[in-house]
Amino acid sequence: MAKKEHRKPSYSAALRMARIAFELPSHPFGWALDAIQRELGISERTLKRYLAAGKNTLVDRSGRPYFHVVSDGGKIKLRQPVSARAVDSSAYQAVSLYFTLTILQFLEGTVLKEGIDELWDRFARALPAFERADLGSLDRKFFAIPYLPKDYRKLGHALDPIIRGLIREYRLQIDYATGVVHEVDPYTLIAYRGGLYLIGKTHVNGRITTMAVDRMRKVELMPGDGAAFRKFVYPATFRPDRYTEGAFGIIVEDKPAAVEILIHNAETEKYLRERQIHPTQKFIRRRDGKTVLTMTVRGTTELRNWILGFGPWLEVLKPAALRRELAELLKTAANHYA
């Protein structure tokens, strides 16, 4: 059988492929195929033909393709492999890092924030001079508003031993707001909605629990026998994602609850459909045209508060206990305005 030869692209096709190759580095997060079609004024079929030819003609010195096609959130994009991206993409890396760090502004005044600032300073100093000049006003161009942030400036006495305990696997003694003094093996520090929470095993009852850092009245490293501090063995099987799986927020309960919520207006339905409320969420259209949101959650305390925030637009159908609880709370709230 004769060997199949690759067809040489026409002059106009070669020009368009060269333009794609030239402009692709300016799209470090990918260039959507539909956007390329509009930019070049070509059809989807023509673009696919160009890309098929480009895989054989646009390659690096090692013979690897200069681009690959990826799916990003359901959108098909053209993207350079990491190894092929231009050096000047450092500006995009800087922006990505800076914007990510702005989300952690609620840690202001803590040892964690000091570490964040030092990390950014090191990264920024390593940038070329012209990049530093262009990135001089990032604080005005990229900004994050934290959700009801807690104030941790006076909690350094708690964060310092927690961080040391997490890194070195030292047991902690925590005097909690409930009045109970816990011996805790710290597993994971979690940032959630502008707050910090510690997941660990308490030796009060031998169970894994979650504690709010701002509710810790005193935190100390436990003294050890023959050593400065008491060590513990971090369980190889513990994973914070598995522990919190199914929870609606930070409060984890053992028994899962099947929830059904009726959405009473189109605006709220659109708002909810555009978000991942819970990994198990499903939107089911009823015969009357309204939509029911279903999910299976481990813990309804935070779910209850979330539903209350939508006022009359959400109605709990199941479970019955949550429906009754919300009915009583809404009745009490209405009486405040009677």
C-alpha atoms as a PDB file:
ATOM      1  CA  MET A   1       0.000   0.000   0.000  1.00  0.00           C
ATOM      2  CA  ALA A   2       1.380   3.396  -0.937  1.00  0.00           C
ATOM      3  CA  LYS A   3       2.372   5.635   1.914  1.00  0.00           C
ATOM      4  CA  LYS A   4      -0.126   8.437   2.507  1.00  0.00           C
ATOM      5  CA  GLU A   5       1.449  11.815   1.867  1.00  0.00           C
ATOM      6  CA  HIS A   6       0.483  14.891   3.828  1.00  0.00           C
ATOM      7  CA  ARG A   7      -1.001  17.524   1.607  1.00  0.00           C
ATOM      8  CA  LYS A   8       0.880  20.805   1.572  1.00  0.00           C
ATOM      9  CA  PRO A   9      -1.264  23.713   2.754  1.00  0.00           C
ATOM     10  CA  SER A  10      -2.125  26.435   0.257  1.00  0.00           C
ATOM     11  CA  TYR A  11      -0.473  29.846   0.489  1.00  0.00           C
ATOM     12  CA  SER A  12      -3.553  31.439   2.164  1.00  0.00           C
ATOM     13  CA  ALA A  13      -3.843  28.517   4.577  1.00  0.00           C
ATOM     14  CA  ALA A  14      -0.154  28.812   5.455  1.00  0.00           C
ATOM     15  CA  LEU A  15      -0.591  32.514   6.196  1.00  0.00           C
ATOM     16  CA  ARG A  16      -3.530  31.849   8.497  1.00  0.00           C
ATOM     17  CA  MET A  17      -1.666  29.043  10.269  1.00  0.00           C
ATOM     18  CA  ALA A  18       1.298  31.368  10.734  1.00  0.00           C
ATOM     19  CA  ARG A  19      -1.032  33.971  12.237  1.00  0.00           C
ATOM     20  CA  ILE A  20      -2.454  31.389  14.647  1.00  0.00           C
ATOM     21  CA  ALA A  21       1.075  30.395  15.672  1.00  0.00           C
ATOM     22  CA  PHE A  22       2.068  34.056  16.147  1.00  0.00           C
ATOM     23  CA  GLU A  23      -0.952  35.024  18.265  1.00  0.00           C
ATOM     24  CA  LEU A  24      -1.346  31.816  20.308  1.00  0.00           C
ATOM     25  CA  PRO A  25       1.314  32.793  22.925  1.00  0.00           C
ATOM     26  CA  SER A  26      -0.826  35.830  23.827  1.00  0.00           C
ATOM     27  CA  HIS A  27      -3.561  33.403  24.955  1.00  0.00           C
ATOM     28  CA  PRO A  28      -1.763  31.434  27.711  1.00  0.00           C
ATOM     29  CA  PHE A  29      -5.064  30.042  29.038  1.00  0.00           C
ATOM     30  CA  GLY A  30      -6.176  28.906  25.587  1.00  0.00           C
ATOM     31  CA  TRP A  31      -7.720  30.457  22.464  1.00  0.00           C
ATOM     32  CA  ALA A  32     -11.312  29.338  21.823  1.00  0.00           C
ATOM     33  CA  LEU A  33     -11.823  27.788  18.386  1.00  0.00           C
ATOM     34  CA  ASP A  34     -14.974  29.831  17.747  1.00  0.00           C
ATOM     35  CA  ALA A  35     -13.003  33.011  18.523  1.00  0.00           C
ATOM     36  CA  ILE A  36     -10.286  31.944  16.047  1.00  0.00           C
ATOM     37  CA  GLN A  37     -12.967  31.365  13.387  1.00  0.00           C
ATOM     38  CA  ARG A  38     -14.359  34.865  13.886  1.00  0.00           C
ATOM     39  CA  GLU A  39     -10.881  36.420  13.898  1.00  0.00           C
ATOM     40  CA  LEU A  40      -9.814  34.714  10.657  1.00  0.00           C
ATOM     41  CA  GLY A  41     -13.246  34.776   8.992  1.00  0.00           C
ATOM     42  CA  ILE A  42     -13.287  31.064   8.256  1.00  0.00           C
ATOM     43  CA  SER A  43     -15.680  28.166   8.859  1.00  0.00           C
ATOM     44  CA  GLU A  44     -15.338  25.502  11.523  1.00  0.00           C
ATOM     45  CA  ARG A  45     -14.573  22.923   8.843  1.00  0.00           C
ATOM     46  CA  THR A  46     -11.810  25.061   7.361  1.00  0.00           C
ATOM     47  CA  LEU A  47     -10.241  25.703  10.769  1.00  0.00           C
ATOM     48  CA  LYS A  48     -10.204  21.988  11.539  1.00  0.00           C
ATOM     49  CA  ARG A  49      -8.488  21.362   8.215  1.00  0.00           C
ATOM     50  CA  TYR A  50      -5.845  23.976   9.076  1.00  0.00           C
ATOM     51  CA  LEU A  51      -5.270  22.462  12.504  1.00  0.00           C
ATOM     52  CA  ALA A  52      -4.933  18.951  11.071  1.00  0.00           C
ATOM     53  CA  ALA A  53      -2.253  20.247   8.683  1.00  0.00           C
ATOM     54  CA  GLY A  54      -0.619  22.300  11.435  1.00  0.00           C
ATOM     55  CA  LYS A  55      -0.009  19.239  13.602  1.00  0.00           C
ATOM     56  CA  ASN A  56       2.479  18.068  10.973  1.00  0.00           C
ATOM     57  CA  THR A  57       4.001  21.413  10.019  1.00  0.00           C
ATOM     58  CA  LEU A  58       3.969  23.414  13.299  1.00  0.00           C
ATOM     59  CA  VAL A  59       6.312  21.414  15.538  1.00  0.00           C
ATOM     60  CA  ASP A  60       9.187  22.245  17.888  1.00  0.00           C
ATOM     61  CA  ARG A  61      12.780  21.038  17.550  1.00  0.00           C
ATOM     62  CA  SER A  62      11.858  17.747  19.195  1.00  0.00           C
ATOM     63  CA  GLY A  63       9.119  17.142  16.672  1.00  0.00           C
ATOM     64  CA  ARG A  64       6.327  17.754  19.177  1.00  0.00           C
ATOM     65  CA  PRO A  65       3.209  19.697  18.086  1.00  0.00           C
ATOM     66  CA  TYR A  66       3.315  23.422  18.761  1.00  0.00           C
ATOM     67  CA  PHE A  67      -0.289  23.345  20.012  1.00  0.00           C
ATOM     68  CA  HIS A  68      -2.961  20.963  21.233  1.00  0.00           C
ATOM     69  CA  VAL A  69      -6.754  21.089  21.380  1.00  0.00           C
ATOM     70  CA  VAL A  70      -8.307  20.965  24.858  1.00  0.00           C
ATOM     71  CA  SER A  71     -11.745  21.221  26.448  1.00  0.00           C
ATOM     72  CA  ASP A  72     -11.998  23.948  29.080  1.00  0.00           C
ATOM     73  CA  GLY A  73     -15.363  24.107  30.858  1.00  0.00           C
ATOM     74  CA  GLY A  74     -17.080  22.651  27.810  1.00  0.00           C
ATOM     75  CA  LYS A  75     -15.409  25.166  25.464  1.00  0.00           C
ATOM     76  CA  ILE A  76     -12.952  23.821  22.865  1.00  0.00           C
ATOM     77  CA  LYS A  77      -9.684  25.743  22.844  1.00  0.00           C
ATOM     78  CA  LEU A  78      -6.282  25.781  21.219  1.00  0.00           C
ATOM     79  CA  ARG A  79      -3.438  25.882  23.737  1.00  0.00           C
ATOM     80  CA  GLN A  80       0.336  25.691  23.723  1.00  0.00           C
ATOM     81  CA  PRO A  81       1.966  22.902  25.738  1.00  0.00           C
ATOM     82  CA  VAL A  82       3.633  24.249  28.878  1.00  0.00           C
ATOM     83  CA  SER A  83       7.074  23.435  27.461  1.00  0.00           C
ATOM     84  CA  ALA A  84       6.407  25.578  24.380  1.00  0.00           C
ATOM     85  CA  ARG A  85       5.060  28.699  26.037  1.00  0.00           C
ATOM     86  CA  ALA A  86       7.036  31.874  25.586  1.00  0.00           C
ATOM     87  CA  VAL A  87       9.079  33.371  28.395  1.00  0.00           C
ATOM     88  CA  ASP A  88       6.947  36.515  28.381  1.00  0.00           C
ATOM     89  CA  SER A  89       4.041  34.444  29.703  1.00  0.00           C
ATOM     90  CA  SER A  90       5.608  35.196  33.125  1.00  0.00           C
ATOM     91  CA  ALA A  91       3.324  38.236  33.212  1.00  0.00           C
ATOM     92  CA  TYR A  92       0.295  35.944  33.111  1.00  0.00           C
ATOM     93  CA  GLN A  93       1.853  33.730  35.784  1.00  0.00           C
ATOM     94  CA  ALA A  94       2.387  36.819  37.952  1.00  0.00           C
ATOM     95  CA  VAL A  95      -1.214  37.922  37.512  1.00  0.00           C
ATOM     96  CA  SER A  96      -2.488  34.409  38.277  1.00  0.00           C
ATOM     97  CA  LEU A  97      -0.433  34.250  41.464  1.00  0.00           C
ATOM     98  CA  TYR A  98      -1.293  37.790  42.568  1.00  0.00           C
ATOM     99  CA  PHE A  99      -5.033  37.369  42.000  1.00  0.00           C
ATOM    100  CA  THR A 100      -4.994  34.063  43.890  1.00  0.00           C
ATOM    101  CA  LEU A 101      -3.196  35.690  46.803  1.00  0.00           C
ATOM    102  CA  THR A 102      -5.738  38.541  46.990  1.00  0.00           C
ATOM    103  CA  ILE A 103      -8.357  35.965  47.997  1.00  0.00           C
ATOM    104  CA  LEU A 104      -6.332  35.386  51.187  1.00  0.00           C
ATOM    105  CA  GLN A 105      -6.369  39.013  52.312  1.00  0.00           C
ATOM    106  CA  PHE A 106      -8.489  38.051  55.329  1.00  0.00           C
ATOM    107  CA  LEU A 107      -5.273  36.623  56.843  1.00  0.00           C
ATOM    108  CA  GLU A 108      -3.884  40.155  57.298  1.00  0.00           C
ATOM    109  CA  GLY A 109      -1.725  40.463  60.412  1.00  0.00           C
ATOM    110  CA  THR A 110      -0.965  36.737  60.735  1.00  0.00           C
ATOM    111  CA  VAL A 111       2.153  34.668  60.151  1.00  0.00           C
ATOM    112  CA  LEU A 112       0.413  33.129  57.131  1.00  0.00           C
ATOM    113  CA  LYS A 113      -0.060  36.547  55.502  1.00  0.00           C
ATOM    114  CA  GLU A 114       3.597  37.374  56.152  1.00  0.00           C
ATOM    115  CA  GLY A 115       4.560  34.200  54.313  1.00  0.00           C
ATOM    116  CA  ILE A 116       2.249  35.123  51.419  1.00  0.00           C
ATOM    117  CA  ASP A 117       3.797  38.601  51.131  1.00  0.00           C
ATOM    118  CA  GLU A 118       7.308  37.151  51.181  1.00  0.00           C
ATOM    119  CA  LEU A 119       6.397  34.655  48.449  1.00  0.00           C
ATOM    120  CA  TRP A 120       5.032  37.443  46.228  1.00  0.00           C
ATOM    121  CA  ASP A 121       8.085  39.650  46.831  1.00  0.00           C
ATOM    122  CA  ARG A 122      10.428  36.848  45.788  1.00  0.00           C
ATOM    123  CA  PHE A 123       8.425  36.119  42.661  1.00  0.00           C
ATOM    124  CA  ALA A 124       8.142  39.799  41.703  1.00  0.00           C
ATOM    125  CA  ARG A 125      11.890  40.407  42.148  1.00  0.00           C
ATOM    126  CA  ALA A 126      12.632  37.540  39.755  1.00  0.00           C
ATOM    127  CA  LEU A 127      10.592  39.151  36.960  1.00  0.00           C
ATOM    128  CA  PRO A 128      12.335  41.127  34.200  1.00  0.00           C
ATOM    129  CA  ALA A 129      12.456  44.894  34.799  1.00  0.00           C
ATOM    130  CA  PHE A 130       9.986  45.662  31.994  1.00  0.00           C
ATOM    131  CA  GLU A 131       7.495  43.169  33.480  1.00  0.00           C
ATOM    132  CA  ARG A 132       7.758  44.749  36.937  1.00  0.00           C
ATOM    133  CA  ALA A 133       6.988  48.143  35.393  1.00  0.00           C
ATOM    134  CA  ASP A 134       3.869  46.825  33.626  1.00  0.00           C
ATOM    135  CA  LEU A 135       2.676  45.043  36.767  1.00  0.00           C
ATOM    136  CA  GLY A 136       3.139  47.993  39.105  1.00  0.00           C
ATOM    137  CA  SER A 137      -0.581  48.669  39.563  1.00  0.00           C
ATOM    138  CA  LEU A 138      -1.872  45.122  40.060  1.00  0.00           C
ATOM    139  CA  ASP A 139      -3.467  46.116  43.371  1.00  0.00           C
ATOM    140  CA  ARG A 140      -5.901  48.310  41.428  1.00  0.00           C
ATOM    141  CA  LYS A 141      -6.470  45.960  38.498  1.00  0.00           C
ATOM    142  CA  PHE A 142      -7.093  42.744  40.450  1.00  0.00           C
ATOM    143  CA  PHE A 143      -9.085  42.806  43.675  1.00  0.00           C
ATOM    144  CA  ALA A 144     -11.054  40.304  45.770  1.00  0.00           C
ATOM    145  CA  ILE A 145     -13.794  41.084  48.287  1.00  0.00           C
ATOM    146  CA  PRO A 146     -13.730  38.437  51.030  1.00  0.00           C
ATOM    147  CA  TYR A 147     -17.017  36.961  52.221  1.00  0.00           C
ATOM    148  CA  LEU A 148     -17.684  38.179  55.793  1.00  0.00           C
ATOM    149  CA  PRO A 149     -14.010  37.798  56.783  1.00  0.00           C
ATOM    150  CA  LYS A 150     -13.015  37.080  60.367  1.00  0.00           C
ATOM    151  CA  ASP A 151     -10.296  39.134  62.057  1.00  0.00           C
ATOM    152  CA  TYR A 152      -7.206  37.036  62.790  1.00  0.00           C
ATOM    153  CA  ARG A 153      -4.789  39.831  63.704  1.00  0.00           C
ATOM    154  CA  LYS A 154      -5.010  38.963  67.393  1.00  0.00           C
ATOM    155  CA  LEU A 155      -4.862  35.189  66.937  1.00  0.00           C
ATOM    156  CA  GLY A 156      -1.161  34.724  66.246  1.00  0.00           C
ATOM    157  CA  HIS A 157      -0.900  32.890  69.580  1.00  0.00           C
ATOM    158  CA  ALA A 158      -3.180  30.201  68.116  1.00  0.00           C
ATOM    159  CA  LEU A 159      -1.951  30.085  64.516  1.00  0.00           C
ATOM    160  CA  ASP A 160       1.733  29.694  65.343  1.00  0.00           C
ATOM    161  CA  PRO A 161       1.395  26.412  67.318  1.00  0.00           C
ATOM    162  CA  ILE A 162      -1.244  25.136  64.867  1.00  0.00           C
ATOM    163  CA  ILE A 163       1.103  25.589  61.914  1.00  0.00           C
ATOM    164  CA  ARG A 164       4.020  24.031  63.794  1.00  0.00           C
ATOM    165  CA  GLY A 165       1.808  21.152  64.865  1.00  0.00           C
ATOM    166  CA  LEU A 166       0.673  20.551  61.273  1.00  0.00           C
ATOM    167  CA  ILE A 167       4.178  20.669  59.806  1.00  0.00           C
ATOM    168  CA  ARG A 168       6.001  18.672  62.511  1.00  0.00           C
ATOM    169  CA  GLU A 169       3.040  16.459  63.482  1.00  0.00           C
ATOM    170  CA  TYR A 170       2.914  17.613  67.107  1.00  0.00           C
ATOM    171  CA  ARG A 171      -0.173  17.081  69.263  1.00  0.00           C
ATOM    172  CA  LEU A 172      -1.981  20.233  70.401  1.00  0.00           C
ATOM    173  CA  GLN A 173      -3.826  21.176  73.576  1.00  0.00           C
ATOM    174  CA  ILE A 174      -6.769  23.404  72.672  1.00  0.00           C
ATOM    175  CA  ASP A 175      -8.969  25.248  75.160  1.00  0.00           C
ATOM    176  CA  TYR A 176     -12.140  25.632  73.093  1.00  0.00           C
ATOM    177  CA  ALA A 177     -15.022  28.078  73.514  1.00  0.00           C
ATOM    178  CA  THR A 178     -17.352  25.281  74.612  1.00  0.00           C
ATOM    179  CA  GLY A 179     -15.321  25.001  77.822  1.00  0.00           C
ATOM    180  CA  VAL A 180     -13.748  21.660  76.857  1.00  0.00           C
ATOM    181  CA  VAL A 181      -9.957  21.324  76.724  1.00  0.00           C
ATOM    182  CA  HIS A 182      -9.042  18.994  73.851  1.00  0.00           C
ATOM    183  CA  GLU A 183      -5.903  17.059  73.030  1.00  0.00           C
ATOM    184  CA  VAL A 184      -5.892  17.208  69.240  1.00  0.00           C
ATOM    185  CA  ASP A 185      -3.859  15.571  66.485  1.00  0.00           C
ATOM    186  CA  PRO A 186      -4.023  18.314  63.811  1.00  0.00           C
ATOM    187  CA  TYR A 187      -4.714  17.004  60.303  1.00  0.00           C
ATOM    188  CA  THR A 188      -5.754  19.903  58.066  1.00  0.00           C
ATOM    189  CA  LEU A 189      -6.151  23.704  58.217  1.00  0.00           C
ATOM    190  CA  ILE A 190      -9.062  24.813  56.011  1.00  0.00           C
ATOM    191  CA  ALA A 191      -9.901  28.287  54.689  1.00  0.00           C
ATOM    192  CA  TYR A 192     -13.665  28.646  54.225  1.00  0.00           C
ATOM    193  CA  ARG A 193     -15.710  31.804  53.624  1.00  0.00           C
ATOM    194  CA  GLY A 194     -13.205  34.157  55.194  1.00  0.00           C
ATOM    195  CA  GLY A 195     -12.525  31.869  58.169  1.00  0.00           C
ATOM    196  CA  LEU A 196      -9.980  29.267  59.261  1.00  0.00           C
ATOM    197  CA  TYR A 197     -10.915  25.846  60.599  1.00  0.00           C
ATOM    198  CA  LEU A 198      -8.813  22.989  61.954  1.00  0.00           C
ATOM    199  CA  ILE A 199      -9.725  19.367  61.255  1.00  0.00           C
ATOM    200  CA  GLY A 200      -8.160  16.905  63.653  1.00  0.00           C
ATOM    201  CA  LYS A 201      -8.698  13.947  65.940  1.00  0.00           C
ATOM    202  CA  THR A 202      -9.702  14.942  69.465  1.00  0.00           C
ATOM    203  CA  HIS A 203      -8.772  12.503  72.232  1.00  0.00           C
ATOM    204  CA  VAL A 204     -11.796  13.589  74.263  1.00  0.00           C
ATOM    205  CA  ASN A 205     -13.912  11.069  72.335  1.00  0.00           C
ATOM    206  CA  GLY A 206     -11.454   9.700  69.753  1.00  0.00           C
ATOM    207  CA  ARG A 207     -13.328  11.239  66.805  1.00  0.00           C
ATOM    208  CA  ILE A 208     -12.322  13.541  63.967  1.00  0.00           C
ATOM    209  CA  THR A 209     -13.808  16.989  64.483  1.00  0.00           C
ATOM    210  CA  THR A 210     -13.713  20.503  63.005  1.00  0.00           C
ATOM    211  CA  MET A 211     -12.862  23.527  65.159  1.00  0.00           C
ATOM    212  CA  ALA A 212     -13.021  27.228  64.290  1.00  0.00           C
ATOM    213  CA  VAL A 213      -9.654  28.876  64.954  1.00  0.00           C
ATOM    214  CA  ASP A 214     -11.308  32.079  66.205  1.00  0.00           C
ATOM    215  CA  ARG A 215     -13.119  30.060  68.923  1.00  0.00           C
ATOM    216  CA  MET A 216      -9.883  28.662  70.350  1.00  0.00           C
ATOM    217  CA  ARG A 217      -9.155  30.461  73.622  1.00  0.00           C
ATOM    218  CA  LYS A 218      -5.695  28.944  74.007  1.00  0.00           C
ATOM    219  CA  VAL A 219      -3.527  26.647  71.877  1.00  0.00           C
ATOM    220  CA  GLU A 220      -0.294  24.988  73.023  1.00  0.00           C
ATOM    221  CA  LEU A 221       2.000  22.256  71.774  1.00  0.00           C
ATOM    222  CA  MET A 222       1.748  19.232  74.036  1.00  0.00           C
ATOM    223  CA  PRO A 223       4.983  18.476  75.946  1.00  0.00           C
ATOM    224  CA  GLY A 224       6.455  15.062  75.116  1.00  0.00           C
ATOM    225  CA  ASP A 225       8.069  12.268  77.117  1.00  0.00           C
ATOM    226  CA  GLY A 226      11.811  12.660  76.625  1.00  0.00           C
ATOM    227  CA  ALA A 227      11.236  15.114  73.749  1.00  0.00           C
ATOM    228  CA  ALA A 228      10.287  18.746  73.529  1.00  0.00           C
ATOM    229  CA  PHE A 229       6.811  18.035  72.140  1.00  0.00           C
ATOM    230  CA  ARG A 230       4.544  15.025  71.765  1.00  0.00           C
ATOM    231  CA  LYS A 231       4.499  13.550  68.270  1.00  0.00           C
ATOM    232  CA  PHE A 232       1.608  11.727  66.620  1.00  0.00           C
ATOM    233  CA  VAL A 233       1.409   9.570  63.507  1.00  0.00           C
ATOM    234  CA  TYR A 234      -0.476  11.280  60.694  1.00  0.00           C
ATOM    235  CA  PRO A 235      -2.893   8.661  59.297  1.00  0.00           C
ATOM    236  CA  ALA A 236      -1.926   7.667  55.766  1.00  0.00           C
ATOM    237  CA  THR A 237      -5.578   7.138  54.838  1.00  0.00           C
ATOM    238  CA  PHE A 238      -6.861  10.590  55.861  1.00  0.00           C
ATOM    239  CA  ARG A 239      -7.829  12.955  53.048  1.00  0.00           C
ATOM    240  CA  PRO A 240      -9.642  16.250  53.754  1.00  0.00           C
ATOM    241  CA  ASP A 241     -11.547  16.035  50.470  1.00  0.00           C
ATOM    242  CA  ARG A 242     -12.927  12.631  51.423  1.00  0.00           C
ATOM    243  CA  TYR A 243     -13.717  13.720  54.984  1.00  0.00           C
ATOM    244  CA  THR A 244     -15.721  16.747  53.821  1.00  0.00           C
ATOM    245  CA  GLU A 245     -17.250  15.006  50.803  1.00  0.00           C
ATOM    246  CA  GLY A 246     -21.004  15.541  50.703  1.00  0.00           C
ATOM    247  CA  ALA A 247     -21.021  18.310  53.320  1.00  0.00           C
ATOM    248  CA  PHE A 248     -22.790  21.577  52.560  1.00  0.00           C
ATOM    249  CA  GLY A 249     -20.017  23.847  53.790  1.00  0.00           C
ATOM    250  CA  ILE A 250     -17.722  23.109  56.723  1.00  0.00           C
ATOM    251  CA  ILE A 251     -20.024  21.252  59.129  1.00  0.00           C
ATOM    252  CA  VAL A 252     -19.877  17.496  58.507  1.00  0.00           C
ATOM    253  CA  GLU A 253     -22.547  15.104  59.771  1.00  0.00           C
ATOM    254  CA  ASP A 254     -22.495  11.326  59.440  1.00  0.00           C
ATOM    255  CA  LYS A 255     -26.038  10.747  58.172  1.00  0.00           C
ATOM    256  CA  PRO A 256     -26.723  11.990  54.621  1.00  0.00           C
ATOM    257  CA  ALA A 257     -30.031  13.728  53.867  1.00  0.00           C
ATOM    258  CA  ALA A 258     -31.842  13.729  50.519  1.00  0.00           C
ATOM    259  CA  VAL A 259     -32.949  17.320  49.866  1.00  0.00           C
ATOM    260  CA  GLU A 260     -35.546  18.652  47.422  1.00  0.00           C
ATOM    261  CA  ILE A 261     -35.947  22.418  46.984  1.00  0.00           C
ATOM    262  CA  LEU A 262     -38.637  24.016  44.808  1.00  0.00           C
ATOM    263  CA  ILE A 263     -37.465  27.146  42.951  1.00  0.00           C
ATOM    264  CA  HIS A 264     -40.249  29.717  42.633  1.00  0.00           C
ATOM    265  CA  ASN A 265     -38.914  32.163  40.026  1.00  0.00           C
ATOM    266  CA  ALA A 266     -36.863  32.089  36.825  1.00  0.00           C
ATOM    267  CA  GLU A 267     -34.225  34.582  38.001  1.00  0.00           C
ATOM    268  CA  THR A 268     -33.295  32.454  41.002  1.00  0.00           C
ATOM    269  CA  GLU A 269     -33.218  29.319  38.852  1.00  0.00           C
ATOM    270  CA  LYS A 270     -30.826  30.967  36.381  1.00  0.00           C
ATOM    271  CA  TYR A 271     -28.617  32.173  39.244  1.00  0.00           C
ATOM    272  CA  LEU A 272     -28.427  28.689  40.771  1.00  0.00           C
ATOM    273  CA  ARG A 273     -27.882  26.838  37.504  1.00  0.00           C
ATOM    274  CA  GLU A 274     -24.777  28.929  36.834  1.00  0.00           C
ATOM    275  CA  ARG A 275     -23.152  27.728  40.078  1.00  0.00           C
ATOM    276  CA  GLN A 276     -22.001  24.501  41.652  1.00  0.00           C
ATOM    277  CA  ILE A 277     -23.986  24.517  44.856  1.00  0.00           C
ATOM    278  CA  HIS A 278     -23.145  20.920  45.715  1.00  0.00           C
ATOM    279  CA  PRO A 279     -21.432  18.070  43.805  1.00  0.00           C
ATOM    280  CA  THR A 280     -24.675  16.023  43.829  1.00  0.00           C
ATOM    281  CA  GLN A 281     -26.972  18.801  42.569  1.00  0.00           C
ATOM    282  CA  LYS A 282     -29.571  18.120  39.896  1.00  0.00           C
ATOM    283  CA  PHE A 283     -32.212  20.403  38.391  1.00  0.00           C
ATOM    284  CA  ILE A 284     -35.464  18.607  37.553  1.00  0.00           C
ATOM    285  CA  ARG A 285     -38.194  20.368  35.551  1.00  0.00           C
ATOM    286  CA  ARG A 286     -41.749  19.615  36.726  1.00  0.00           C
ATOM    287  CA  ARG A 287     -44.858  19.443  34.565  1.00  0.00           C
ATOM    288  CA  ASP A 288     -46.052  22.781  35.944  1.00  0.00           C
ATOM    289  CA  GLY A 289     -42.908  24.442  34.555  1.00  0.00           C
ATOM    290  CA  LYS A 290     -41.186  24.966  37.910  1.00  0.00           C
ATOM    291  CA  THR A 291     -37.825  23.405  38.749  1.00  0.00           C
ATOM    292  CA  VAL A 292     -36.775  21.314  41.749  1.00  0.00           C
ATOM    293  CA  LEU A 293     -33.178  21.357  42.942  1.00  0.00           C
ATOM    294  CA  THR A 294     -32.130  18.035  44.467  1.00  0.00           C
ATOM    295  CA  MET A 295     -28.941  17.046  46.335  1.00  0.00           C
ATOM    296  CA  THR A 296     -27.747  14.663  49.016  1.00  0.00           C
ATOM    297  CA  VAL A 297     -25.897  16.458  51.825  1.00  0.00           C
ATOM    298  CA  ARG A 298     -24.161  15.459  55.033  1.00  0.00           C
ATOM    299  CA  GLY A 299     -25.450  18.134  57.369  1.00  0.00           C
ATOM    300  CA  THR A 300     -28.278  20.639  56.912  1.00  0.00           C
ATOM    301  CA  THR A 301     -27.255  23.395  59.360  1.00  0.00           C
ATOM    302  CA  GLU A 302     -25.430  25.517  56.796  1.00  0.00           C
ATOM    303  CA  LEU A 303     -27.913  24.516  54.094  1.00  0.00           C
ATOM    304  CA  ARG A 304     -30.728  25.905  56.272  1.00  0.00           C
ATOM    305  CA  ASN A 305     -29.010  29.279  56.576  1.00  0.00           C
ATOM    306  CA  TRP A 306     -28.273  29.344  52.843  1.00  0.00           C
ATOM    307  CA  ILE A 307     -31.934  28.698  51.983  1.00  0.00           C
ATOM    308  CA  LEU A 308     -33.093  31.442  54.354  1.00  0.00           C
ATOM    309  CA  GLY A 309     -30.997  33.911  52.367  1.00  0.00           C
ATOM    310  CA  PHE A 310     -33.272  33.424  49.349  1.00  0.00           C
ATOM    311  CA  GLY A 311     -36.437  34.396  51.228  1.00  0.00           C
ATOM    312  CA  PRO A 312     -39.638  33.481  49.340  1.00  0.00           C
ATOM    313  CA  TRP A 313     -37.905  32.148  46.227  1.00  0.00           C
ATOM    314  CA  LEU A 314     -36.928  28.731  47.622  1.00  0.00           C
ATOM    315  CA  GLU A 315     -39.222  26.192  49.297  1.00  0.00           C
ATOM    316  CA  VAL A 316     -37.950  23.003  50.943  1.00  0.00           C
ATOM    317  CA  LEU A 317     -40.015  19.962  50.000  1.00  0.00           C
ATOM    318  CA  LYS A 318     -37.786  17.343  51.657  1.00  0.00           C
ATOM    319  CA  PRO A 319     -36.676  16.375  54.249  1.00  0.00           C
ATOM    320  CA  ALA A 320     -39.751  17.061  56.366  1.00  0.00           C
ATOM    321  CA  ALA A 321     -37.702  17.987  59.459  1.00  0.00           C
ATOM    322  CA  LEU A 322     -35.828  20.714  57.587  1.00  0.00           C
ATOM    323  CA  ARG A 323     -39.086  22.015  56.094  1.00  0.00           C
ATOM    324  CA  ARG A 324     -40.653  22.303  59.577  1.00  0.00           C
ATOM    325  CA  GLU A 325     -37.550  24.001  60.974  1.00  0.00           C
ATOM    326  CA  LEU A 326     -37.531  26.595  58.199  1.00  0.00           C
ATOM    327  CA  ALA A 327     -41.282  27.197  58.562  1.00  0.00           C
ATOM    328  CA  GLU A 328     -40.807  28.036  62.258  1.00  0.00           C
ATOM    329  CA  LEU A 329     -37.828  30.297  61.576  1.00  0.00           C
ATOM    330  CA  LEU A 330     -39.637  32.187  58.817  1.00  0.00           C
ATOM    331  CA  LYS A 331     -42.711  32.565  60.983  1.00  0.00           C
ATOM    332  CA  THR A 332     -40.580  34.038  63.768  1.00  0.00           C
ATOM    333  CA  ALA A 333     -38.865  36.353  61.293  1.00  0.00           C
ATOM    334  CA  ALA A 334     -42.244  37.520  59.930  1.00  0.00           C
ATOM    335  CA  ASN A 335     -43.454  38.279  63.452  1.00  0.00           C
ATOM    336  CA  HIS A 336     -40.523  40.666  63.888  1.00  0.00           C
ATOM    337  CA  TYR A 337     -42.011  42.827  61.132  1.00  0.00           C
ATOM    338  CA  ALA A 338     -45.687  42.461  62.097  1.00  0.00           C
END
